[in-house]
Amino acid sequence: MKFIHGKDMIFMESKKKTAVITGATSGLGLAYAERMAADGYDLIITGRREEIIKANAERIMHEYGRSVEVCIADLSDEKGVNKLIDILNNKNISILVNNAGFGLKTKFIDTNYCDVERLLYLHIMAVTKLTYFVLQGMKKRNKGTIINISSDGAFAVMPKNVVYSSSKLYIINFTEGLHMELADYNIKVQAVCPGFIDSDFHERAGMSVDKTRKGIFRFYQPRDIVDNAMKALKKNVVVCIPDKGGKVIKLIGKYMPRKIFYNFAAEFANNTIKKRK
C-alpha cells in the first residue's frame, strides 16, 4: 500500500472493500469509522475540522491497518456534497453511513433562516443525493449497505427542535421506502434512531446538558450505540432504536394523548436541554 498526503485527504491506496462515513470527526461518526475499520473496511470519511479528523485518520490507520481517505467538506451545501461525490466516483462503495448533522436549539421563529436551510440541506438533500449516487454502483454489483442516522426526536417533536426533528422523520420514511424498493437486490438499508449520545453534538449546538444523569434518558457512549445498531442490521432491522430512552420516546410520541404530550414535551425540553449562556 502507498501512503499519500494531500491538502484535503490522507490515504493509503487499496483495492479492498470501502465504507464511507460522513461527519466522522467525533461522536457517532467516529465510532462507525472505528467499527468499519475493525471489520476490515478501508474508509472514506468526511468532516470540517481538518486537524482533528486527520489525526483520527492517522490513528485508525495505525491501529487497524486500514487505508483512510479524508475529505474536508461542508455537506450542508451543494459544493461540499459534489466534492465528496467526485472522490467517490469510480470507487466500489460497500457501505455508506449518512451521519453528518447538527442541531438548532432556538425557536423556529427566532432561528437564522440560513441555518435552517443548511440543516435541511445536510439532513435531507445531502443524504438523498449521496444515497442515490452510491446506490447506482450497489445496484450493478447487487450488494451494499446504506445506514442513515436519524434520531429519537423523529418520533416526538419538541419545542426548539422542530426543524431537526422533522428532517430526521424524513430520514426514517426515506429509509423504509428504500427498503421496500430494494427488496429484489442484496442491498441492506437501516435508519438508526439514537437518543442522547455522549459526544460534542450538544456543545457545538450551544446547548447545556447534564451528561452525568442516570436512568432511561442517560447519555450513551457512541461505540455502544454502533454495536447495538450493527447487531440489529445483521437481523435486518430497518428502523433501529439502539437505546432504552429512544424506545420510551417512541412510545410517548405514539400513544400519549396529544394535549398531554404538548405539555410533556415542553416541560421535558425546558428541563433536559437548555441553551448555554
Protein backbone atom coordinates (compact mmCIF):
# COMPACT_ATOMS: atom_id res chain seq x y z
CA MET A 1 0.00 0.00 0.00
CA LYS A 2 1.12 3.52 -0.74
CA PHE A 3 0.66 6.24 1.89
CA ILE A 4 -0.36 9.57 0.40
CA HIS A 5 -0.71 13.02 1.95
CA GLY A 6 -2.75 15.70 0.20
CA LYS A 7 -4.28 19.09 1.01
CA ASP A 8 -7.75 17.66 1.59
CA MET A 9 -7.02 13.99 2.15
CA ILE A 10 -4.80 11.39 3.73
CA PHE A 11 -4.98 7.85 2.44
CA MET A 12 -3.26 4.63 1.53
CA GLU A 13 -4.14 3.21 -1.84
CA SER A 14 -6.05 -0.04 -1.67
CA LYS A 15 -8.45 -2.13 -3.72
CA LYS A 16 -10.32 -3.63 -0.79
CA LYS A 17 -13.93 -3.05 0.33
CA THR A 18 -14.68 0.54 1.27
CA ALA A 19 -17.00 2.23 3.76
CA VAL A 20 -17.94 5.92 3.57
CA ILE A 21 -18.86 7.72 6.78
CA THR A 22 -19.94 11.36 6.80
CA GLY A 23 -19.42 13.51 9.88
CA ALA A 24 -16.69 11.25 11.24
CA THR A 25 -14.72 13.85 13.17
CA SER A 26 -16.13 12.75 16.52
CA GLY A 27 -19.04 11.04 18.25
CA LEU A 28 -21.17 8.53 16.38
CA GLY A 29 -19.42 9.07 13.04
CA LEU A 30 -16.01 8.36 14.53
CA ALA A 31 -17.40 5.27 16.28
CA TYR A 32 -18.75 3.99 12.97
CA ALA A 33 -15.37 4.66 11.31
CA GLU A 34 -13.57 2.66 14.00
CA ARG A 35 -16.10 -0.18 13.77
CA MET A 36 -15.85 -0.39 9.98
CA ALA A 37 -12.05 -0.36 10.12
CA ALA A 38 -12.12 -3.12 12.72
CA ASP A 39 -14.40 -5.11 10.42
CA GLY A 40 -11.85 -4.86 7.60
CA TYR A 41 -13.10 -1.92 5.56
CA ASP A 42 -10.99 0.81 4.06
CA LEU A 43 -12.51 4.21 4.82
CA ILE A 44 -13.52 7.46 3.21
CA ILE A 45 -14.52 9.87 5.96
CA THR A 46 -15.72 13.45 5.88
CA GLY A 47 -15.63 16.34 8.33
CA ARG A 48 -14.96 20.06 8.60
CA ARG A 49 -12.44 20.19 11.46
CA GLU A 50 -9.39 19.30 9.42
CA GLU A 51 -6.77 18.91 12.13
CA ILE A 52 -8.96 16.65 14.29
CA ILE A 53 -10.26 14.37 11.55
CA LYS A 54 -6.81 13.90 10.00
CA ALA A 55 -5.43 12.95 13.41
CA ASN A 56 -8.27 10.42 13.71
CA ALA A 57 -7.41 9.05 10.27
CA GLU A 58 -3.75 8.58 11.24
CA ARG A 59 -4.73 6.77 14.42
CA ILE A 60 -7.21 4.46 12.67
CA MET A 61 -4.66 3.57 10.01
CA HIS A 62 -2.08 2.62 12.63
CA GLU A 63 -4.49 0.82 14.98
CA TYR A 64 -6.48 -1.13 12.40
CA GLY A 65 -4.16 -1.29 9.39
CA ARG A 66 -6.81 0.09 7.02
CA SER A 67 -6.48 2.89 4.48
CA VAL A 68 -8.30 6.11 5.32
CA GLU A 69 -9.12 8.89 2.88
CA VAL A 70 -10.26 12.17 4.38
CA CYS A 71 -12.50 14.61 2.54
CA ILE A 72 -12.66 18.04 4.14
CA ALA A 73 -16.09 19.26 3.09
CA ASP A 74 -19.16 21.03 4.42
CA LEU A 75 -22.05 18.83 3.29
CA SER A 76 -24.63 21.46 4.19
CA ASP A 77 -24.27 22.95 0.72
CA GLU A 78 -24.16 21.54 -2.80
CA LYS A 79 -20.47 22.27 -3.36
CA GLY A 80 -19.45 20.13 -0.42
CA VAL A 81 -21.64 17.22 -1.50
CA ASN A 82 -20.35 17.40 -5.06
CA LYS A 83 -16.78 17.43 -3.76
CA LEU A 84 -17.40 14.15 -1.93
CA ILE A 85 -19.17 12.62 -4.94
CA ASP A 86 -16.13 13.45 -7.09
CA ILE A 87 -13.97 11.47 -4.66
CA LEU A 88 -16.42 8.55 -4.67
CA ASN A 89 -16.61 8.42 -8.46
CA ASN A 90 -15.34 5.12 -9.89
CA LYS A 91 -14.93 3.61 -6.40
CA ASN A 92 -16.75 0.47 -5.26
CA ILE A 93 -18.51 1.59 -2.10
CA SER A 94 -19.68 -1.28 0.11
CA ILE A 95 -21.19 0.78 2.95
CA LEU A 96 -22.44 4.36 3.19
CA VAL A 97 -23.15 5.85 6.63
CA ASN A 98 -25.01 9.16 6.33
CA ASN A 99 -24.20 10.53 9.77
CA ALA A 100 -23.29 14.21 9.35
CA GLY A 101 -25.70 16.51 11.14
CA PHE A 102 -26.19 19.36 13.57
CA GLY A 103 -28.93 20.78 15.76
CA LEU A 104 -30.61 24.16 16.23
CA LYS A 105 -31.78 24.92 19.74
CA THR A 106 -33.79 28.09 19.26
CA LYS A 107 -37.45 28.55 18.47
CA PHE A 108 -38.07 28.30 14.73
CA ILE A 109 -39.28 31.90 14.55
CA ASP A 110 -36.05 33.12 16.21
CA THR A 111 -33.64 30.99 14.18
CA ASN A 112 -31.43 32.44 11.47
CA TYR A 113 -33.04 31.15 8.30
CA CYS A 114 -29.67 30.50 6.68
CA ASP A 115 -29.06 27.94 9.44
CA VAL A 116 -32.46 26.38 8.73
CA GLU A 117 -31.54 25.97 5.05
CA ARG A 118 -28.15 24.49 5.92
CA LEU A 119 -29.70 21.95 8.29
CA LEU A 120 -32.37 20.91 5.81
CA TYR A 121 -29.83 20.54 3.01
CA LEU A 122 -27.49 18.46 5.19
CA HIS A 123 -30.15 16.17 6.66
CA ILE A 124 -32.33 15.80 3.56
CA MET A 125 -30.69 16.78 0.27
CA ALA A 126 -27.16 15.58 1.11
CA VAL A 127 -28.45 12.24 2.43
CA THR A 128 -30.69 11.80 -0.60
CA LYS A 129 -28.08 12.76 -3.18
CA LEU A 130 -25.26 10.68 -1.68
CA THR A 131 -27.56 7.69 -1.31
CA TYR A 132 -28.73 7.99 -4.92
CA PHE A 133 -25.16 8.20 -6.21
CA VAL A 134 -23.83 5.27 -4.17
CA LEU A 135 -26.86 3.09 -4.93
CA GLN A 136 -26.07 3.13 -8.66
CA GLY A 137 -22.91 1.12 -8.06
CA MET A 138 -24.53 -1.08 -5.45
CA LYS A 139 -27.34 -1.93 -7.86
CA LYS A 140 -24.85 -3.04 -10.53
CA ARG A 141 -22.98 -5.20 -8.03
CA ASN A 142 -26.23 -6.37 -6.36
CA LYS A 143 -24.67 -5.73 -2.96
CA GLY A 144 -24.26 -2.96 -0.41
CA THR A 145 -25.41 -1.30 2.79
CA ILE A 146 -26.85 2.16 3.47
CA ILE A 147 -27.06 3.36 7.09
CA ASN A 148 -28.87 6.65 7.70
CA ILE A 149 -28.63 8.27 11.12
CA SER A 150 -31.97 9.60 12.30
CA SER A 151 -32.95 10.37 15.91
CA ASP A 152 -35.46 9.52 18.60
CA GLY A 153 -36.59 13.11 18.02
CA ALA A 154 -38.22 11.91 14.82
CA PHE A 155 -40.85 10.14 16.93
CA ALA A 156 -41.71 13.04 19.23
CA VAL A 157 -41.12 16.62 18.12
CA MET A 158 -40.31 19.11 20.87
CA PRO A 159 -40.04 22.88 21.16
CA LYS A 160 -36.81 24.39 19.80
CA ASN A 161 -36.25 21.18 17.87
CA VAL A 162 -38.88 21.34 15.14
CA VAL A 163 -36.65 21.57 12.05
CA TYR A 164 -34.16 18.97 13.29
CA SER A 165 -36.93 16.57 14.31
CA SER A 166 -38.83 17.00 11.04
CA SER A 167 -35.72 16.34 8.97
CA LYS A 168 -34.96 13.19 10.95
CA LEU A 169 -38.50 11.93 10.31
CA TYR A 170 -37.79 12.28 6.59
CA ILE A 171 -34.76 10.03 7.04
CA ILE A 172 -36.91 7.26 8.56
CA ASN A 173 -39.53 7.43 5.80
CA PHE A 174 -36.83 7.61 3.12
CA THR A 175 -35.05 4.57 4.54
CA GLU A 176 -38.19 2.46 4.92
CA GLY A 177 -39.22 3.30 1.36
CA LEU A 178 -35.80 2.28 0.05
CA HIS A 179 -36.03 -0.99 1.97
CA MET A 180 -39.20 -1.86 0.09
CA GLU A 181 -37.92 -0.69 -3.30
CA LEU A 182 -34.67 -2.62 -2.94
CA ALA A 183 -36.32 -5.89 -1.94
CA ASP A 184 -35.10 -7.56 -5.15
CA TYR A 185 -31.49 -6.54 -4.56
CA ASN A 186 -28.94 -7.67 -2.00
CA ILE A 187 -28.79 -4.16 -0.52
CA LYS A 188 -29.49 -3.51 3.15
CA VAL A 189 -30.79 -0.18 4.43
CA GLN A 190 -31.18 0.93 8.02
CA ALA A 191 -32.27 4.07 9.88
CA VAL A 192 -30.64 4.38 13.30
CA CYS A 193 -32.59 6.46 15.82
CA PRO A 194 -30.46 7.01 18.94
CA GLY A 195 -31.35 9.06 21.98
CA PHE A 196 -28.78 11.03 23.95
CA ILE A 197 -25.19 10.30 22.92
CA ASP A 198 -22.07 11.33 24.86
CA SER A 199 -20.43 13.41 22.14
CA ASP A 200 -19.80 17.08 21.39
CA PHE A 201 -23.08 17.41 19.45
CA HIS A 202 -24.89 19.42 22.14
CA GLU A 203 -21.93 21.66 22.94
CA ARG A 204 -21.43 22.54 19.29
CA ALA A 205 -25.13 23.46 19.07
CA GLY A 206 -24.78 25.76 22.07
CA MET A 207 -26.74 23.53 24.45
CA SER A 208 -26.12 22.79 28.11
CA VAL A 209 -26.91 19.24 29.21
CA ASP A 210 -26.13 17.05 32.22
CA LYS A 211 -24.25 14.08 30.81
CA THR A 212 -23.85 12.50 34.24
CA ARG A 213 -27.55 11.83 34.72
CA LYS A 214 -28.69 8.25 35.23
CA GLY A 215 -31.80 6.33 34.27
CA ILE A 216 -33.59 5.73 30.98
CA PHE A 217 -32.64 9.07 29.49
CA ARG A 218 -28.95 8.80 30.33
CA PHE A 219 -26.23 9.51 27.81
CA TYR A 220 -24.89 6.51 25.91
CA GLN A 221 -21.41 6.02 24.55
CA PRO A 222 -21.19 6.23 20.71
CA ARG A 223 -19.48 2.85 20.49
CA ASP A 224 -22.35 1.18 22.37
CA ILE A 225 -24.90 2.74 20.01
CA VAL A 226 -22.95 1.49 16.99
CA ASP A 227 -22.58 -2.01 18.42
CA ASN A 228 -26.32 -2.28 19.06
CA ALA A 229 -27.18 -0.89 15.62
CA MET A 230 -24.83 -3.30 13.85
CA LYS A 231 -26.33 -6.25 15.71
CA ALA A 232 -29.77 -5.08 14.56
CA LEU A 233 -28.51 -4.70 11.00
CA LYS A 234 -27.46 -8.35 10.94
CA LYS A 235 -31.05 -9.19 11.90
CA ASN A 236 -32.35 -6.98 9.05
CA VAL A 237 -33.92 -4.46 11.42
CA VAL A 238 -34.77 -1.48 9.21
CA VAL A 239 -35.60 1.12 11.87
CA CYS A 240 -33.24 0.61 14.79
CA ILE A 241 -33.73 2.31 18.16
CA PRO A 242 -30.49 1.28 19.89
CA ASP A 243 -31.18 2.52 23.43
CA LYS A 244 -33.95 2.33 26.02
CA GLY A 245 -34.51 6.08 26.12
CA GLY A 246 -35.25 6.18 22.41
CA LYS A 247 -37.75 3.35 22.75
CA VAL A 248 -39.57 5.22 25.51
CA ILE A 249 -39.67 8.42 23.43
CA LYS A 250 -41.22 6.50 20.54
CA LEU A 251 -43.94 5.08 22.80
CA ILE A 252 -44.65 8.50 24.27
CA GLY A 253 -44.92 10.09 20.85
CA LYS A 254 -47.19 7.34 19.56
CA TYR A 255 -49.57 6.69 22.45
CA MET A 256 -49.68 9.76 24.70
CA PRO A 257 -52.80 11.91 24.06
CA ARG A 258 -51.72 14.97 22.11
CA LYS A 259 -52.84 17.62 24.61
CA ILE A 260 -50.91 15.85 27.35
CA PHE A 261 -47.95 15.30 25.01
CA TYR A 262 -47.66 19.00 24.16
CA ASN A 263 -47.28 19.91 27.84
CA PHE A 264 -44.95 16.98 28.49
CA ALA A 265 -42.72 17.85 25.53
CA ALA A 266 -42.44 21.50 26.52
CA GLU A 267 -41.51 20.63 30.10
CA PHE A 268 -39.08 17.90 29.02
CA ALA A 269 -37.32 20.26 26.60
CA ASN A 270 -37.01 23.00 29.21
CA ASN A 271 -35.72 20.70 31.95
CA THR A 272 -33.45 18.45 29.87
CA ILE A 273 -31.82 20.70 27.30
CA LYS A 274 -31.02 24.32 27.96
CA LYS A 275 -29.32 26.90 25.79
CA ARG A 276 -25.88 27.79 27.06
CA LYS A 277 -25.42 31.36 28.24
